[in-house]
Amino acid sequence: MTLLNLPPDTELETPSVLRELVAAHRSLAELKGIAKSIPNENILVSTLSLQEAQSSSEIENIITTQDALYKYQLQPSKDLVAKEVAHYAEGLQIGFQQVRNTGFLTNNNILQIQATLEGNDAGFRKTPGTLLKNEQTGKTVYEPPSPEKIPDLMTALETFIHEDSKLDPLIRMALVHHQFESIHPFYDGNGRTGRIINILFLVKEDLLETPILYLSRYINKTKSDYYRLLQTVRDEQNWDDWLIYLLRGVALTAKDTIRLVTSIHELLLRHKEDIRSNYKFYSQDLINTIFRHPYTKVAFLEKEMKVSRATATRYLDALAKDNILEKHKLGRENYYINHDLVDLLFNLPDLNG
């Protein structure tokens, strides 16, 4: 089976797709505006990228908890699953900085992201890709392209990502994602890398300024539809259903993220007023640190506030004494949880809510 050309030789912006496009763009524009209410973008990038890392990895049956991820950030351990998921967040951050600095999303960027995910520099695969088989019949329904074709296919995909196209950028994102997953260029990490490419494409196209819209939670919830529609395009060139599926995911996820960002902003203002009114050591850097790191420790405060260890400890212990933070122990080290923020992040409402 050969890959379809990009752009496909078919009408993509059908009336049904255009309706979904309007809704998706409206929600994205609102999210882009709401995100500016958070004074330090790293607060959202750090907290939401870990959520995305967890959800995206879960699609590949790499399961861990947010608690384990935050503890891994505090104190790297032998928890290989938490380490693998943390690598996802790191790869996303690396890719974001590259796209922001250059305005491009190149194969070199993609290779570096995947290398960070997997912890190796294996690059494009040199062996046949995994056959996709029908679970009931065992019949092969899709075979990824042979290894010698991958460099040219990825070069063509890079060209499509950057070419001046009349197609709406959200449609292009959906096409890029399908093509990348069909090329399946790596030994491992194709799904996770492809989902990072989605958000970086939105940043590249200036639909978002920061990588805070993540489709993995939506895809994880609708996993059977996701894989079925990927294959339906290959079998029947049915782009319409695939585009509608992904555009609805963008709109739904954007609305969900708007609610979360609004809640974080309201909580941040409450903490800010409380600490400013009751503690002489109030500063914006302090607020930023306990929101950027929902699980924080003395070393984080030392670095980001540029204070001594004793001073950082005094600040955190004072906030813990008054139950603004919760003090816990991990090995020989204390850490402090912003429990109100953690409640928001760990107990997200259903996507349909």
Protein backbone atom coordinates (compact mmCIF):
# COMPACT_ATOMS: atom_id res chain seq x y z
CA MET A 1 0.00 0.00 0.00
CA THR A 2 1.47 3.37 -1.02
CA LEU A 3 1.13 6.56 0.99
CA LEU A 4 -1.33 9.18 -0.17
CA ASN A 5 0.07 12.40 -1.59
CA LEU A 6 -0.05 15.62 0.40
CA PRO A 7 -2.19 17.52 -0.08
CA PRO A 8 -4.68 14.83 -1.15
CA ASP A 9 -6.27 15.16 -4.56
CA THR A 10 -9.74 15.57 -3.08
CA GLU A 11 -11.97 18.26 -1.61
CA LEU A 12 -11.10 18.66 2.07
CA GLU A 13 -12.95 21.78 3.17
CA THR A 14 -16.42 20.29 2.86
CA PRO A 15 -19.40 22.00 4.57
CA SER A 16 -19.25 19.57 7.51
CA VAL A 17 -15.52 20.12 7.94
CA LEU A 18 -15.90 23.90 7.70
CA ARG A 19 -18.46 23.88 10.51
CA GLU A 20 -15.98 22.08 12.75
CA LEU A 21 -13.20 24.44 11.67
CA VAL A 22 -15.15 27.48 12.82
CA ALA A 23 -15.76 25.96 16.25
CA ALA A 24 -12.14 24.83 16.63
CA HIS A 25 -10.69 28.21 15.67
CA ARG A 26 -13.09 30.04 18.00
CA SER A 27 -12.06 27.88 20.95
CA LEU A 28 -8.35 28.14 20.11
CA ALA A 29 -8.53 31.93 19.88
CA GLU A 30 -10.23 32.10 23.28
CA LEU A 31 -7.59 29.82 24.79
CA LYS A 32 -4.79 31.91 23.34
CA GLY A 33 -6.27 35.00 24.97
CA ILE A 34 -7.00 33.35 28.34
CA ALA A 35 -3.43 32.02 28.56
CA LYS A 36 -2.16 35.60 28.74
CA SER A 37 -3.88 35.98 32.13
CA ILE A 38 -1.10 33.87 33.68
CA PRO A 39 1.85 36.24 34.35
CA ASN A 40 4.56 33.64 33.79
CA GLU A 41 4.06 31.31 30.83
CA ASN A 42 6.29 28.67 32.42
CA ILE A 43 3.57 28.03 34.99
CA LEU A 44 1.28 26.63 32.31
CA VAL A 45 3.99 25.07 30.15
CA SER A 46 5.47 23.16 33.09
CA THR A 47 2.26 21.93 34.67
CA LEU A 48 0.31 21.12 31.50
CA SER A 49 3.23 19.46 29.72
CA LEU A 50 3.43 16.88 32.49
CA GLN A 51 -0.27 16.18 32.11
CA GLU A 52 0.22 15.73 28.38
CA ALA A 53 3.20 13.47 28.98
CA GLN A 54 1.10 11.24 31.20
CA SER A 55 -1.87 11.08 28.81
CA SER A 56 0.18 10.60 25.65
CA SER A 57 2.24 7.83 27.22
CA GLU A 58 -0.92 6.14 28.50
CA ILE A 59 -2.10 5.73 24.89
CA GLU A 60 0.96 3.51 24.39
CA ASN A 61 0.19 1.63 27.64
CA ILE A 62 2.99 3.40 29.51
CA ILE A 63 1.12 4.02 32.75
CA THR A 64 2.18 6.17 35.69
CA THR A 65 0.59 8.72 37.99
CA GLN A 66 1.01 12.48 38.19
CA ASP A 67 2.19 12.03 41.78
CA ALA A 68 5.00 9.75 40.59
CA LEU A 69 5.95 12.22 37.85
CA TYR A 70 6.19 15.17 40.20
CA LYS A 71 8.19 13.12 42.69
CA TYR A 72 10.53 12.09 39.88
CA GLN A 73 11.13 15.78 39.13
CA LEU A 74 11.97 16.35 42.77
CA GLN A 75 14.25 13.35 43.04
CA PRO A 76 15.06 11.20 39.97
CA SER A 77 14.66 7.56 40.94
CA LYS A 78 14.77 4.04 39.53
CA ASP A 79 11.12 4.37 38.45
CA LEU A 80 11.71 3.62 34.76
CA VAL A 81 8.11 4.37 33.77
CA ALA A 82 8.14 7.79 35.43
CA LYS A 83 11.52 8.42 33.80
CA GLU A 84 10.16 7.56 30.35
CA VAL A 85 7.15 9.83 30.78
CA ALA A 86 9.34 12.63 32.13
CA HIS A 87 11.45 12.31 28.96
CA TYR A 88 8.29 13.05 26.98
CA ALA A 89 7.79 16.35 28.82
CA GLU A 90 11.45 17.17 28.24
CA GLY A 91 11.20 16.42 24.52
CA LEU A 92 8.15 18.62 24.22
CA GLN A 93 9.90 21.52 25.95
CA ILE A 94 12.97 21.14 23.71
CA GLY A 95 10.81 21.12 20.59
CA PHE A 96 8.86 24.17 21.77
CA GLN A 97 11.98 26.24 22.33
CA GLN A 98 13.33 25.29 18.91
CA VAL A 99 10.09 26.20 17.12
CA ARG A 100 9.77 29.44 19.06
CA ASN A 101 13.37 30.46 18.35
CA THR A 102 13.41 29.57 14.65
CA GLY A 103 9.81 29.54 13.47
CA PHE A 104 10.47 26.17 11.81
CA LEU A 105 9.52 22.58 12.58
CA THR A 106 12.16 20.53 10.78
CA ASN A 107 13.20 16.90 10.59
CA ASN A 108 16.20 17.76 12.75
CA ASN A 109 13.78 19.02 15.42
CA ILE A 110 11.68 15.86 15.10
CA LEU A 111 14.77 13.63 15.34
CA GLN A 112 15.91 15.44 18.49
CA ILE A 113 12.47 15.20 20.09
CA GLN A 114 12.29 11.46 19.43
CA ALA A 115 15.85 10.95 20.68
CA THR A 116 14.92 12.69 23.94
CA LEU A 117 11.82 10.51 24.30
CA GLU A 118 13.74 7.29 23.77
CA GLY A 119 17.07 8.23 25.32
CA ASN A 120 19.04 7.21 22.24
CA ASP A 121 20.15 8.47 18.82
CA ALA A 122 18.92 5.56 16.71
CA GLY A 123 17.35 7.95 14.19
CA PHE A 124 15.10 6.76 11.39
CA ARG A 125 14.49 3.04 11.42
CA LYS A 126 16.66 0.79 9.25
CA THR A 127 14.32 -2.20 9.48
CA PRO A 128 10.73 -2.84 8.30
CA GLY A 129 7.99 -1.17 10.33
CA THR A 130 5.51 -3.06 12.45
CA LEU A 131 2.68 -4.58 10.42
CA LEU A 132 -0.80 -3.45 11.38
CA LYS A 133 -3.11 -6.47 11.51
CA ASN A 134 -6.85 -6.93 11.85
CA GLU A 135 -7.43 -8.24 15.38
CA GLN A 136 -10.20 -10.59 14.29
CA THR A 137 -8.76 -12.08 11.09
CA GLY A 138 -5.04 -11.59 11.61
CA LYS A 139 -4.83 -10.17 8.09
CA THR A 140 -2.32 -7.37 7.46
CA VAL A 141 -4.22 -4.14 6.83
CA TYR A 142 -1.26 -1.76 6.66
CA GLU A 143 2.49 -2.05 6.18
CA PRO A 144 4.60 1.08 6.80
CA PRO A 145 6.97 2.09 3.99
CA SER A 146 10.32 0.35 3.71
CA PRO A 147 13.31 1.95 5.47
CA GLU A 148 15.04 3.24 2.31
CA LYS A 149 11.99 5.38 1.50
CA ILE A 150 11.80 7.11 4.87
CA PRO A 151 14.33 9.95 4.31
CA ASP A 152 12.57 11.11 1.12
CA LEU A 153 9.13 10.76 2.68
CA MET A 154 10.16 12.77 5.73
CA THR A 155 11.76 15.44 3.54
CA ALA A 156 8.50 15.72 1.60
CA LEU A 157 6.59 15.98 4.88
CA GLU A 158 8.90 18.75 6.10
CA THR A 159 8.30 20.61 2.86
CA PHE A 160 4.53 20.29 3.30
CA ILE A 161 4.77 21.59 6.88
CA HIS A 162 6.42 24.81 5.69
CA GLU A 163 4.95 25.41 2.26
CA ASP A 164 2.64 28.33 1.54
CA SER A 165 -0.69 26.54 1.40
CA LYS A 166 -4.26 27.72 0.92
CA LEU A 167 -5.42 24.97 3.26
CA ASP A 168 -6.48 25.96 6.76
CA PRO A 169 -3.63 25.27 9.23
CA LEU A 170 -5.81 22.98 11.37
CA ILE A 171 -6.52 20.84 8.34
CA ARG A 172 -2.82 20.79 7.55
CA MET A 173 -2.09 19.69 11.12
CA ALA A 174 -4.49 16.77 10.69
CA LEU A 175 -2.86 15.82 7.37
CA VAL A 176 0.64 16.05 8.85
CA HIS A 177 -0.34 13.86 11.78
CA HIS A 178 -1.85 11.17 9.56
CA GLN A 179 1.13 11.16 7.21
CA PHE A 180 3.68 11.02 10.02
CA GLU A 181 1.92 8.10 11.72
CA SER A 182 1.65 6.30 8.37
CA ILE A 183 5.35 6.77 7.58
CA HIS A 184 6.12 5.44 11.08
CA PRO A 185 9.72 6.61 10.71
CA PHE A 186 11.16 5.45 14.04
CA TYR A 187 11.75 2.16 15.79
CA ASP A 188 9.71 3.40 18.75
CA GLY A 189 7.99 6.54 19.97
CA ASN A 190 6.13 7.31 16.73
CA GLY A 191 2.79 7.95 18.42
CA ARG A 192 4.22 10.16 21.15
CA THR A 193 6.42 12.08 18.71
CA GLY A 194 3.46 12.60 16.39
CA ARG A 195 1.38 14.07 19.19
CA ILE A 196 4.17 16.49 20.09
CA ILE A 197 4.32 17.53 16.43
CA ASN A 198 0.61 18.45 16.64
CA ILE A 199 1.07 21.06 19.35
CA LEU A 200 4.31 22.40 17.89
CA PHE A 201 2.56 22.89 14.56
CA LEU A 202 -0.09 25.02 16.29
CA VAL A 203 2.67 27.14 17.84
CA LYS A 204 4.46 27.42 14.51
CA GLU A 205 1.24 28.62 12.87
CA ASP A 206 0.71 31.16 15.72
CA LEU A 207 -2.62 29.61 16.67
CA LEU A 208 -1.14 29.39 20.16
CA GLU A 209 1.84 31.17 21.71
CA THR A 210 2.68 28.38 24.13
CA PRO A 211 2.22 24.60 23.95
CA ILE A 212 -0.79 24.26 26.21
CA LEU A 213 -3.38 22.42 24.08
CA TYR A 214 -2.85 18.69 24.18
CA LEU A 215 -4.99 16.23 22.26
CA SER A 216 -3.71 13.11 24.01
CA ARG A 217 -6.44 13.05 26.66
CA TYR A 218 -9.06 13.24 23.91
CA ILE A 219 -7.30 10.58 21.80
CA ASN A 220 -6.90 8.31 24.81
CA LYS A 221 -10.62 8.55 25.56
CA THR A 222 -11.53 7.87 21.91
CA LYS A 223 -8.69 5.49 21.08
CA SER A 224 -10.73 3.04 19.03
CA ASP A 225 -12.12 5.84 16.84
CA TYR A 226 -8.62 7.29 16.44
CA TYR A 227 -7.08 4.09 15.07
CA ARG A 228 -10.17 3.20 13.02
CA LEU A 229 -10.24 6.59 11.28
CA LEU A 230 -6.50 6.53 10.60
CA GLN A 231 -7.06 3.26 8.75
CA THR A 232 -10.23 4.42 7.00
CA VAL A 233 -8.24 7.17 5.30
CA ARG A 234 -5.71 4.60 4.07
CA ASP A 235 -8.38 2.21 2.84
CA GLU A 236 -11.00 4.59 1.47
CA GLN A 237 -9.36 8.04 1.38
CA ASN A 238 -12.12 9.13 3.74
CA TRP A 239 -10.56 12.36 4.94
CA ASP A 240 -13.87 13.90 5.97
CA ASP A 241 -14.45 11.76 9.06
CA TRP A 242 -10.80 11.97 10.10
CA LEU A 243 -10.76 15.77 9.85
CA ILE A 244 -14.05 16.12 11.74
CA TYR A 245 -12.75 13.80 14.47
CA LEU A 246 -9.55 15.77 15.00
CA LEU A 247 -11.17 19.21 14.72
CA ARG A 248 -13.76 18.24 17.32
CA GLY A 249 -10.91 17.13 19.51
CA VAL A 250 -9.23 20.53 19.15
CA ALA A 251 -12.43 22.39 20.07
CA LEU A 252 -13.29 20.11 22.99
CA THR A 253 -9.75 20.10 24.37
CA ALA A 254 -9.43 23.88 24.00
CA LYS A 255 -12.65 24.42 25.98
CA ASP A 256 -11.42 22.02 28.65
CA THR A 257 -8.08 23.82 28.85
CA ILE A 258 -9.81 27.22 29.05
CA ARG A 259 -11.67 26.03 32.15
CA LEU A 260 -8.45 24.74 33.70
CA VAL A 261 -6.42 27.87 32.92
CA THR A 262 -9.21 30.08 34.30
CA SER A 263 -9.25 28.05 37.51
CA ILE A 264 -5.45 28.24 37.82
CA HIS A 265 -5.60 32.02 37.32
CA GLU A 266 -8.26 32.45 40.01
CA LEU A 267 -6.31 30.24 42.42
CA LEU A 268 -3.09 32.11 41.70
CA LEU A 269 -4.76 35.44 42.51
CA ARG A 270 -6.13 34.06 45.81
CA HIS A 271 -2.71 32.75 46.85
CA LYS A 272 -1.09 35.99 45.79
CA GLU A 273 -3.45 38.11 47.90
CA ASP A 274 -3.17 35.77 50.90
CA ILE A 275 0.63 35.67 50.88
CA ARG A 276 1.01 39.38 50.14
CA SER A 277 -1.33 40.27 53.05
CA ASN A 278 0.21 37.96 55.63
CA TYR A 279 3.90 37.47 54.88
CA LYS A 280 6.68 40.01 54.63
CA PHE A 281 8.60 37.74 52.26
CA TYR A 282 5.94 37.94 49.51
CA SER A 283 7.28 38.23 45.95
CA GLN A 284 6.05 37.40 42.47
CA ASP A 285 8.99 34.98 42.11
CA LEU A 286 7.68 33.05 45.11
CA ILE A 287 4.20 32.79 43.60
CA ASN A 288 5.64 31.73 40.25
CA THR A 289 7.73 29.00 41.87
CA ILE A 290 4.96 27.34 43.88
CA PHE A 291 2.70 27.35 40.80
CA ARG A 292 5.35 26.29 38.29
CA HIS A 293 6.28 23.43 40.63
CA PRO A 294 3.14 22.08 42.33
CA TYR A 295 5.56 19.81 44.17
CA THR A 296 8.40 22.11 45.15
CA LYS A 297 11.52 21.88 47.28
CA VAL A 298 14.07 24.17 48.86
CA ALA A 299 16.48 23.89 45.91
CA PHE A 300 13.82 25.16 43.49
CA LEU A 301 13.22 28.25 45.63
CA GLU A 302 16.97 28.83 46.08
CA LYS A 303 17.49 28.85 42.32
CA GLU A 304 14.44 30.79 41.20
CA MET A 305 14.35 33.38 44.00
CA LYS A 306 18.14 33.58 44.36
CA VAL A 307 18.03 33.19 48.14
CA SER A 308 20.01 31.07 50.58
CA ARG A 309 18.97 27.56 51.53
CA ALA A 310 18.10 28.70 55.04
CA THR A 311 15.92 31.50 53.72
CA ALA A 312 14.14 29.25 51.22
CA THR A 313 13.49 26.70 53.98
CA ARG A 314 12.06 29.41 56.25
CA TYR A 315 9.69 30.62 53.53
CA LEU A 316 8.38 27.16 52.68
CA ASP A 317 8.02 26.08 56.29
CA ALA A 318 6.03 29.24 57.08
CA LEU A 319 3.64 28.55 54.17
CA ALA A 320 3.30 24.93 55.27
CA LYS A 321 2.59 25.95 58.89
CA ASP A 322 -0.44 27.92 57.69
CA ASN A 323 -1.58 25.14 55.32
CA ILE A 324 -0.94 27.07 52.11
CA LEU A 325 1.46 24.26 51.27
CA GLU A 326 1.66 20.70 52.60
CA LYS A 327 5.03 19.49 53.86
CA HIS A 328 6.09 15.91 53.10
CA LYS A 329 9.25 13.83 53.15
CA LEU A 330 10.88 11.99 50.24
CA GLY A 331 13.89 10.05 51.41
CA ARG A 332 15.94 12.50 53.45
CA GLU A 333 14.52 15.55 51.75
CA ASN A 334 11.41 17.60 52.44
CA TYR A 335 9.08 18.68 49.68
CA TYR A 336 6.04 20.94 49.67
CA ILE A 337 2.77 20.45 47.76
CA ASN A 338 0.58 23.29 46.52
CA HIS A 339 -2.45 21.17 47.40
CA ASP A 340 -5.08 23.51 45.94
CA LEU A 341 -3.30 23.50 42.57
CA VAL A 342 -2.75 19.76 42.72
CA ASP A 343 -6.47 19.23 43.34
CA LEU A 344 -7.18 21.12 40.11
CA LEU A 345 -4.59 19.20 38.09
CA PHE A 346 -5.31 15.73 39.46
CA ASN A 347 -9.11 15.92 39.34
CA LEU A 348 -9.97 17.21 35.89
CA PRO A 349 -13.64 17.02 34.89
CA ASP A 350 -14.70 14.74 32.08
CA LEU A 351 -13.95 16.14 28.62
CA ASN A 352 -17.67 16.19 27.88
CA GLY A 353 -18.33 18.33 30.92
